[in-house]
Amino acid sequence: MPTRTAMGRTKNWLLSVRQVHGTDVLVVDHPIGESDRFEEGWDALITNQPGLTVAVRTADCVPVLVYDRRKRAVAAIHAGWRGAVSGILPKTLDRLSNHFQIERGDLRVSIGPSAGPCCYEVDDAVLNPLRSTFSGWEQVVRNDMGKKTHFDLKAFVRMQLYHYGIEHHHVTSVNLCTICHEELFYSYRREGRVNGTMLSGISLIAQA
């Protein structure tokens, strides 16, 4: 459901939807109003509408925000391990590119805080699908004396972006672990339940 916020005399909208750890992408290419309802589940949102902030909620997963500087379109992506392994990043970028005729070189990407390899311990439930879908999986896991395996989810996200064709210097990242920094972030892994989430959003300002 969209939420209206006040900013001067301009109507601005914040759109956050139900996330299901999938790869479905919601495209909003028309103005929205109070009667609009978005009740299905999506893990990525795309828009070209000024004044509409598209946002994702995270508490260890990776928030990814994308901006096209020429065609003026933005995307917010919720990338947990399931979505990342299933290809939500290239799928969203393909949808963004095809819907708005965007060139990959015009994309700028910001990656927010998430669980880091220092704390994100995983087992075969994560490793098996990772191994079967990503030939370079060894580059994003760390093994501690053969006992514990830690997953660098953010590095996996970055590698997918680079493989897609986005230049390294067009990707920025907040390299903080949500599990480590209890004073800054919520963490499902640390707290064992959802006590709260962080909101990451992006919007276009109306051109004069």
C-alpha atoms as a PDB file:
ATOM      1  CA  MET A   1       0.000   0.000   0.000  1.00  0.00           C
ATOM      2  CA  PRO A   2       1.357   3.464  -0.805  1.00  0.00           C
ATOM      3  CA  THR A   3       1.887   5.906   2.042  1.00  0.00           C
ATOM      4  CA  ARG A   4       1.711   9.624   1.415  1.00  0.00           C
ATOM      5  CA  THR A   5       4.287  11.909   2.978  1.00  0.00           C
ATOM      6  CA  ALA A   6       4.258  15.688   3.164  1.00  0.00           C
ATOM      7  CA  MET A   7       7.009  17.760   1.575  1.00  0.00           C
ATOM      8  CA  GLY A   8       5.990  21.332   0.956  1.00  0.00           C
ATOM      9  CA  ARG A   9       2.898  21.305  -1.237  1.00  0.00           C
ATOM     10  CA  THR A  10       3.976  18.313  -3.266  1.00  0.00           C
ATOM     11  CA  LYS A  11       2.382  14.910  -2.794  1.00  0.00           C
ATOM     12  CA  ASN A  12       5.044  12.296  -2.307  1.00  0.00           C
ATOM     13  CA  TRP A  13       4.498   8.588  -1.958  1.00  0.00           C
ATOM     14  CA  LEU A  14       6.427   5.839  -0.210  1.00  0.00           C
ATOM     15  CA  LEU A  15       5.830   2.368  -1.657  1.00  0.00           C
ATOM     16  CA  SER A  16       6.910  -0.701   0.299  1.00  0.00           C
ATOM     17  CA  VAL A  17       5.369  -4.076  -0.529  1.00  0.00           C
ATOM     18  CA  ARG A  18       5.204  -7.564   0.960  1.00  0.00           C
ATOM     19  CA  GLN A  19       8.521  -9.332   0.382  1.00  0.00           C
ATOM     20  CA  VAL A  20       8.587 -13.091  -0.188  1.00  0.00           C
ATOM     21  CA  HIS A  21      12.264 -13.913  -0.932  1.00  0.00           C
ATOM     22  CA  GLY A  22      11.411 -14.464  -4.581  1.00  0.00           C
ATOM     23  CA  THR A  23      12.352 -12.846  -7.890  1.00  0.00           C
ATOM     24  CA  ASP A  24       9.155 -11.089  -8.969  1.00  0.00           C
ATOM     25  CA  VAL A  25       9.516  -7.446 -10.003  1.00  0.00           C
ATOM     26  CA  LEU A  26       6.843  -4.747  -9.681  1.00  0.00           C
ATOM     27  CA  VAL A  27       6.971  -1.978 -12.304  1.00  0.00           C
ATOM     28  CA  VAL A  28       5.118   1.260 -11.511  1.00  0.00           C
ATOM     29  CA  ASP A  29       5.140   3.437 -14.632  1.00  0.00           C
ATOM     30  CA  HIS A  30       2.062   5.565 -13.926  1.00  0.00           C
ATOM     31  CA  PRO A  31       0.995   7.958 -11.139  1.00  0.00           C
ATOM     32  CA  ILE A  32      -0.483   6.295  -8.083  1.00  0.00           C
ATOM     33  CA  GLY A  33      -3.075   7.434  -5.576  1.00  0.00           C
ATOM     34  CA  GLU A  34      -4.684   6.523  -2.287  1.00  0.00           C
ATOM     35  CA  SER A  35      -6.949   3.937  -3.906  1.00  0.00           C
ATOM     36  CA  ASP A  36      -4.028   1.906  -5.304  1.00  0.00           C
ATOM     37  CA  ARG A  37      -3.329  -1.411  -3.608  1.00  0.00           C
ATOM     38  CA  PHE A  38      -0.261  -3.604  -4.022  1.00  0.00           C
ATOM     39  CA  GLU A  39      -1.176  -6.746  -2.141  1.00  0.00           C
ATOM     40  CA  GLU A  40       0.863  -9.441  -3.878  1.00  0.00           C
ATOM     41  CA  GLY A  41       4.467 -10.306  -3.072  1.00  0.00           C
ATOM     42  CA  TRP A  42       7.469  -8.721  -4.795  1.00  0.00           C
ATOM     43  CA  ASP A  43      11.133  -8.357  -3.932  1.00  0.00           C
ATOM     44  CA  ALA A  44      12.030  -5.619  -6.406  1.00  0.00           C
ATOM     45  CA  LEU A  45      10.286  -2.395  -7.367  1.00  0.00           C
ATOM     46  CA  ILE A  46      10.926  -0.204 -10.405  1.00  0.00           C
ATOM     47  CA  THR A  47       9.521   3.206 -11.223  1.00  0.00           C
ATOM     48  CA  ASN A  48      10.001   6.272 -13.397  1.00  0.00           C
ATOM     49  CA  GLN A  49       7.490   8.369 -11.447  1.00  0.00           C
ATOM     50  CA  PRO A  50       8.868  11.489  -9.719  1.00  0.00           C
ATOM     51  CA  GLY A  51       7.791  11.782  -6.099  1.00  0.00           C
ATOM     52  CA  LEU A  52       7.378   8.024  -5.639  1.00  0.00           C
ATOM     53  CA  THR A  53       9.932   6.446  -3.315  1.00  0.00           C
ATOM     54  CA  VAL A  54      10.307   2.717  -3.860  1.00  0.00           C
ATOM     55  CA  ALA A  55      11.691   0.969  -0.805  1.00  0.00           C
ATOM     56  CA  VAL A  56      12.708  -2.426   0.541  1.00  0.00           C
ATOM     57  CA  ARG A  57      12.981  -3.639   4.134  1.00  0.00           C
ATOM     58  CA  THR A  58      15.973  -5.630   5.366  1.00  0.00           C
ATOM     59  CA  ALA A  59      17.403  -7.070   8.564  1.00  0.00           C
ATOM     60  CA  ASP A  60      20.463  -8.967   7.201  1.00  0.00           C
ATOM     61  CA  CYS A  61      19.526  -9.276   3.501  1.00  0.00           C
ATOM     62  CA  VAL A  62      21.124  -6.898   1.003  1.00  0.00           C
ATOM     63  CA  PRO A  63      19.266  -3.737  -0.077  1.00  0.00           C
ATOM     64  CA  VAL A  64      20.254  -2.653  -3.593  1.00  0.00           C
ATOM     65  CA  LEU A  65      19.262   0.723  -5.042  1.00  0.00           C
ATOM     66  CA  VAL A  66      19.641   1.458  -8.761  1.00  0.00           C
ATOM     67  CA  TYR A  67      19.460   4.747 -10.663  1.00  0.00           C
ATOM     68  CA  ASP A  68      19.546   5.489 -14.373  1.00  0.00           C
ATOM     69  CA  ARG A  69      20.823   8.984 -15.009  1.00  0.00           C
ATOM     70  CA  ARG A  70      19.545   9.387 -18.575  1.00  0.00           C
ATOM     71  CA  LYS A  71      16.122   7.762 -18.758  1.00  0.00           C
ATOM     72  CA  ARG A  72      15.416   8.677 -15.114  1.00  0.00           C
ATOM     73  CA  ALA A  73      14.252   5.415 -13.638  1.00  0.00           C
ATOM     74  CA  VAL A  74      15.044   3.800 -10.301  1.00  0.00           C
ATOM     75  CA  ALA A  75      14.819   0.390  -8.653  1.00  0.00           C
ATOM     76  CA  ALA A  76      14.899  -0.968  -5.117  1.00  0.00           C
ATOM     77  CA  ILE A  77      15.850  -4.632  -4.710  1.00  0.00           C
ATOM     78  CA  HIS A  78      15.628  -6.942  -1.697  1.00  0.00           C
ATOM     79  CA  ALA A  79      18.377  -9.537  -2.157  1.00  0.00           C
ATOM     80  CA  GLY A  80      18.418 -12.309   0.410  1.00  0.00           C
ATOM     81  CA  TRP A  81      20.401 -15.439  -0.348  1.00  0.00           C
ATOM     82  CA  ARG A  82      17.386 -17.151  -1.952  1.00  0.00           C
ATOM     83  CA  GLY A  83      16.615 -14.237  -4.228  1.00  0.00           C
ATOM     84  CA  ALA A  84      20.266 -13.619  -5.066  1.00  0.00           C
ATOM     85  CA  VAL A  85      20.935 -17.258  -5.957  1.00  0.00           C
ATOM     86  CA  SER A  86      17.699 -17.350  -7.990  1.00  0.00           C
ATOM     87  CA  GLY A  87      18.766 -14.304 -10.014  1.00  0.00           C
ATOM     88  CA  ILE A  88      16.705 -11.405  -8.731  1.00  0.00           C
ATOM     89  CA  LEU A  89      19.492  -8.934  -9.591  1.00  0.00           C
ATOM     90  CA  PRO A  90      19.893  -9.681 -13.329  1.00  0.00           C
ATOM     91  CA  LYS A  91      16.139 -10.208 -13.638  1.00  0.00           C
ATOM     92  CA  THR A  92      15.425  -6.763 -12.175  1.00  0.00           C
ATOM     93  CA  LEU A  93      18.107  -5.091 -14.280  1.00  0.00           C
ATOM     94  CA  ASP A  94      16.763  -6.795 -17.408  1.00  0.00           C
ATOM     95  CA  ARG A  95      13.269  -5.592 -16.581  1.00  0.00           C
ATOM     96  CA  LEU A  96      14.528  -2.076 -15.940  1.00  0.00           C
ATOM     97  CA  SER A  97      16.522  -2.070 -19.178  1.00  0.00           C
ATOM     98  CA  ASN A  98      13.781  -3.515 -21.371  1.00  0.00           C
ATOM     99  CA  HIS A  99      10.921  -1.466 -19.962  1.00  0.00           C
ATOM    100  CA  PHE A 100      12.690   1.896 -20.126  1.00  0.00           C
ATOM    101  CA  GLN A 101      15.286   1.196 -22.885  1.00  0.00           C
ATOM    102  CA  ILE A 102      18.191   1.788 -20.531  1.00  0.00           C
ATOM    103  CA  GLU A 103      21.868   1.364 -21.353  1.00  0.00           C
ATOM    104  CA  ARG A 104      23.867  -0.587 -18.773  1.00  0.00           C
ATOM    105  CA  GLY A 105      26.608   2.012 -18.716  1.00  0.00           C
ATOM    106  CA  ASP A 106      24.133   4.592 -17.412  1.00  0.00           C
ATOM    107  CA  LEU A 107      23.251   2.622 -14.285  1.00  0.00           C
ATOM    108  CA  ARG A 108      24.526   3.614 -10.854  1.00  0.00           C
ATOM    109  CA  VAL A 109      24.115   1.206  -7.938  1.00  0.00           C
ATOM    110  CA  SER A 110      24.284   1.591  -4.158  1.00  0.00           C
ATOM    111  CA  ILE A 111      24.403  -1.423  -1.837  1.00  0.00           C
ATOM    112  CA  GLY A 112      23.324  -1.015   1.782  1.00  0.00           C
ATOM    113  CA  PRO A 113      24.365  -2.738   5.024  1.00  0.00           C
ATOM    114  CA  SER A 114      23.768  -6.477   5.349  1.00  0.00           C
ATOM    115  CA  ALA A 115      25.038  -9.593   7.090  1.00  0.00           C
ATOM    116  CA  GLY A 116      28.786  -9.828   6.545  1.00  0.00           C
ATOM    117  CA  PRO A 117      31.099 -12.806   5.994  1.00  0.00           C
ATOM    118  CA  CYS A 118      32.418 -12.303   9.518  1.00  0.00           C
ATOM    119  CA  CYS A 119      29.101 -13.529  10.971  1.00  0.00           C
ATOM    120  CA  TYR A 120      26.925 -15.025   8.230  1.00  0.00           C
ATOM    121  CA  GLU A 121      27.361 -18.739   8.837  1.00  0.00           C
ATOM    122  CA  VAL A 122      25.628 -21.040   6.328  1.00  0.00           C
ATOM    123  CA  ASP A 123      25.163 -24.757   5.724  1.00  0.00           C
ATOM    124  CA  ASP A 124      24.357 -26.958   2.747  1.00  0.00           C
ATOM    125  CA  ALA A 125      20.845 -25.523   2.463  1.00  0.00           C
ATOM    126  CA  VAL A 126      22.525 -22.377   1.135  1.00  0.00           C
ATOM    127  CA  LEU A 127      25.717 -23.858  -0.292  1.00  0.00           C
ATOM    128  CA  ASN A 128      24.143 -26.525  -2.498  1.00  0.00           C
ATOM    129  CA  PRO A 129      22.012 -24.149  -4.624  1.00  0.00           C
ATOM    130  CA  LEU A 130      24.916 -21.675  -4.676  1.00  0.00           C
ATOM    131  CA  ARG A 131      27.306 -24.325  -6.000  1.00  0.00           C
ATOM    132  CA  SER A 132      24.831 -25.524  -8.619  1.00  0.00           C
ATOM    133  CA  THR A 133      24.109 -22.075 -10.079  1.00  0.00           C
ATOM    134  CA  PHE A 134      27.336 -20.057  -9.702  1.00  0.00           C
ATOM    135  CA  SER A 135      30.619 -21.330 -11.115  1.00  0.00           C
ATOM    136  CA  GLY A 136      32.672 -18.923  -8.993  1.00  0.00           C
ATOM    137  CA  TRP A 137      31.009 -19.786  -5.698  1.00  0.00           C
ATOM    138  CA  GLU A 138      34.342 -20.403  -3.950  1.00  0.00           C
ATOM    139  CA  GLN A 139      35.088 -16.686  -4.206  1.00  0.00           C
ATOM    140  CA  VAL A 140      32.178 -15.741  -1.945  1.00  0.00           C
ATOM    141  CA  VAL A 141      32.514 -18.283   0.848  1.00  0.00           C
ATOM    142  CA  ARG A 142      35.038 -18.593   3.653  1.00  0.00           C
ATOM    143  CA  ASN A 143      35.849 -21.772   5.540  1.00  0.00           C
ATOM    144  CA  ASP A 144      37.082 -21.652   9.132  1.00  0.00           C
ATOM    145  CA  MET A 145      39.371 -24.653   9.670  1.00  0.00           C
ATOM    146  CA  GLY A 146      36.926 -26.918   7.864  1.00  0.00           C
ATOM    147  CA  LYS A 147      34.271 -26.435  10.559  1.00  0.00           C
ATOM    148  CA  LYS A 148      32.207 -23.367   9.671  1.00  0.00           C
ATOM    149  CA  THR A 149      31.382 -21.850   6.317  1.00  0.00           C
ATOM    150  CA  HIS A 150      30.605 -18.153   6.072  1.00  0.00           C
ATOM    151  CA  PHE A 151      28.893 -16.585   3.068  1.00  0.00           C
ATOM    152  CA  ASP A 152      29.807 -13.147   1.713  1.00  0.00           C
ATOM    153  CA  LEU A 153      26.372 -12.279   0.360  1.00  0.00           C
ATOM    154  CA  LYS A 154      27.334  -8.710  -0.450  1.00  0.00           C
ATOM    155  CA  ALA A 155      30.337  -9.858  -2.499  1.00  0.00           C
ATOM    156  CA  PHE A 156      28.022 -12.241  -4.340  1.00  0.00           C
ATOM    157  CA  VAL A 157      25.700  -9.329  -5.145  1.00  0.00           C
ATOM    158  CA  ARG A 158      28.624  -7.205  -6.378  1.00  0.00           C
ATOM    159  CA  MET A 159      29.954 -10.001  -8.582  1.00  0.00           C
ATOM    160  CA  GLN A 160      26.539 -10.414 -10.188  1.00  0.00           C
ATOM    161  CA  LEU A 161      26.406  -6.679 -10.891  1.00  0.00           C
ATOM    162  CA  TYR A 162      29.880  -6.704 -12.441  1.00  0.00           C
ATOM    163  CA  HIS A 163      29.046  -9.783 -14.497  1.00  0.00           C
ATOM    164  CA  TYR A 164      25.951  -7.984 -15.755  1.00  0.00           C
ATOM    165  CA  GLY A 165      28.169  -5.249 -17.148  1.00  0.00           C
ATOM    166  CA  ILE A 166      28.044  -2.529 -14.522  1.00  0.00           C
ATOM    167  CA  GLU A 167      31.425  -0.887 -14.018  1.00  0.00           C
ATOM    168  CA  HIS A 168      33.108  -1.309 -10.640  1.00  0.00           C
ATOM    169  CA  HIS A 169      33.319   2.445 -10.102  1.00  0.00           C
ATOM    170  CA  HIS A 170      29.569   2.751 -10.660  1.00  0.00           C
ATOM    171  CA  VAL A 171      28.842   0.593  -7.607  1.00  0.00           C
ATOM    172  CA  THR A 172      29.092   1.937  -4.043  1.00  0.00           C
ATOM    173  CA  SER A 173      28.644  -0.119  -0.900  1.00  0.00           C
ATOM    174  CA  VAL A 174      28.133   0.328   2.839  1.00  0.00           C
ATOM    175  CA  ASN A 175      30.506  -2.345   4.139  1.00  0.00           C
ATOM    176  CA  LEU A 176      29.053  -2.818   7.608  1.00  0.00           C
ATOM    177  CA  CYS A 177      27.725  -6.070   9.022  1.00  0.00           C
ATOM    178  CA  THR A 178      24.203  -5.869  10.421  1.00  0.00           C
ATOM    179  CA  ILE A 179      24.890  -8.787  12.773  1.00  0.00           C
ATOM    180  CA  CYS A 180      28.027  -7.206  14.301  1.00  0.00           C
ATOM    181  CA  HIS A 181      26.691  -3.702  14.794  1.00  0.00           C
ATOM    182  CA  GLU A 182      23.892  -4.128  17.291  1.00  0.00           C
ATOM    183  CA  GLU A 183      23.888  -0.405  18.064  1.00  0.00           C
ATOM    184  CA  LEU A 184      23.157   0.488  14.434  1.00  0.00           C
ATOM    185  CA  PHE A 185      21.063  -2.222  12.794  1.00  0.00           C
ATOM    186  CA  TYR A 186      18.333  -4.764  13.269  1.00  0.00           C
ATOM    187  CA  SER A 187      19.408  -8.331  12.564  1.00  0.00           C
ATOM    188  CA  TYR A 188      17.210 -11.376  12.222  1.00  0.00           C
ATOM    189  CA  ARG A 189      20.224 -13.670  12.630  1.00  0.00           C
ATOM    190  CA  ARG A 190      21.382 -11.960  15.823  1.00  0.00           C
ATOM    191  CA  GLU A 191      17.968 -11.480  17.421  1.00  0.00           C
ATOM    192  CA  GLY A 192      16.354 -14.728  16.287  1.00  0.00           C
ATOM    193  CA  ARG A 193      13.158 -12.952  15.285  1.00  0.00           C
ATOM    194  CA  VAL A 194      11.967  -9.846  13.467  1.00  0.00           C
ATOM    195  CA  ASN A 195      12.154  -7.041  16.027  1.00  0.00           C
ATOM    196  CA  GLY A 196      12.385  -4.441  13.296  1.00  0.00           C
ATOM    197  CA  THR A 197      13.751  -3.754   9.845  1.00  0.00           C
ATOM    198  CA  MET A 198      15.747  -1.068   8.067  1.00  0.00           C
ATOM    199  CA  LEU A 199      14.119   0.764   5.175  1.00  0.00           C
ATOM    200  CA  SER A 200      16.160   1.584   2.052  1.00  0.00           C
ATOM    201  CA  GLY A 201      14.497   3.672  -0.614  1.00  0.00           C
ATOM    202  CA  ILE A 202      15.152   5.712  -3.720  1.00  0.00           C
ATOM    203  CA  SER A 203      13.092   8.276  -5.593  1.00  0.00           C
ATOM    204  CA  LEU A 204      13.234  10.758  -8.439  1.00  0.00           C
ATOM    205  CA  ILE A 205      12.852  14.484  -7.845  1.00  0.00           C
ATOM    206  CA  ALA A 206      10.493  16.197 -10.254  1.00  0.00           C
ATOM    207  CA  GLN A 207      12.364  18.234 -12.848  1.00  0.00           C
ATOM    208  CA  ALA A 208      11.570  21.933 -13.040  1.00  0.00           C
END
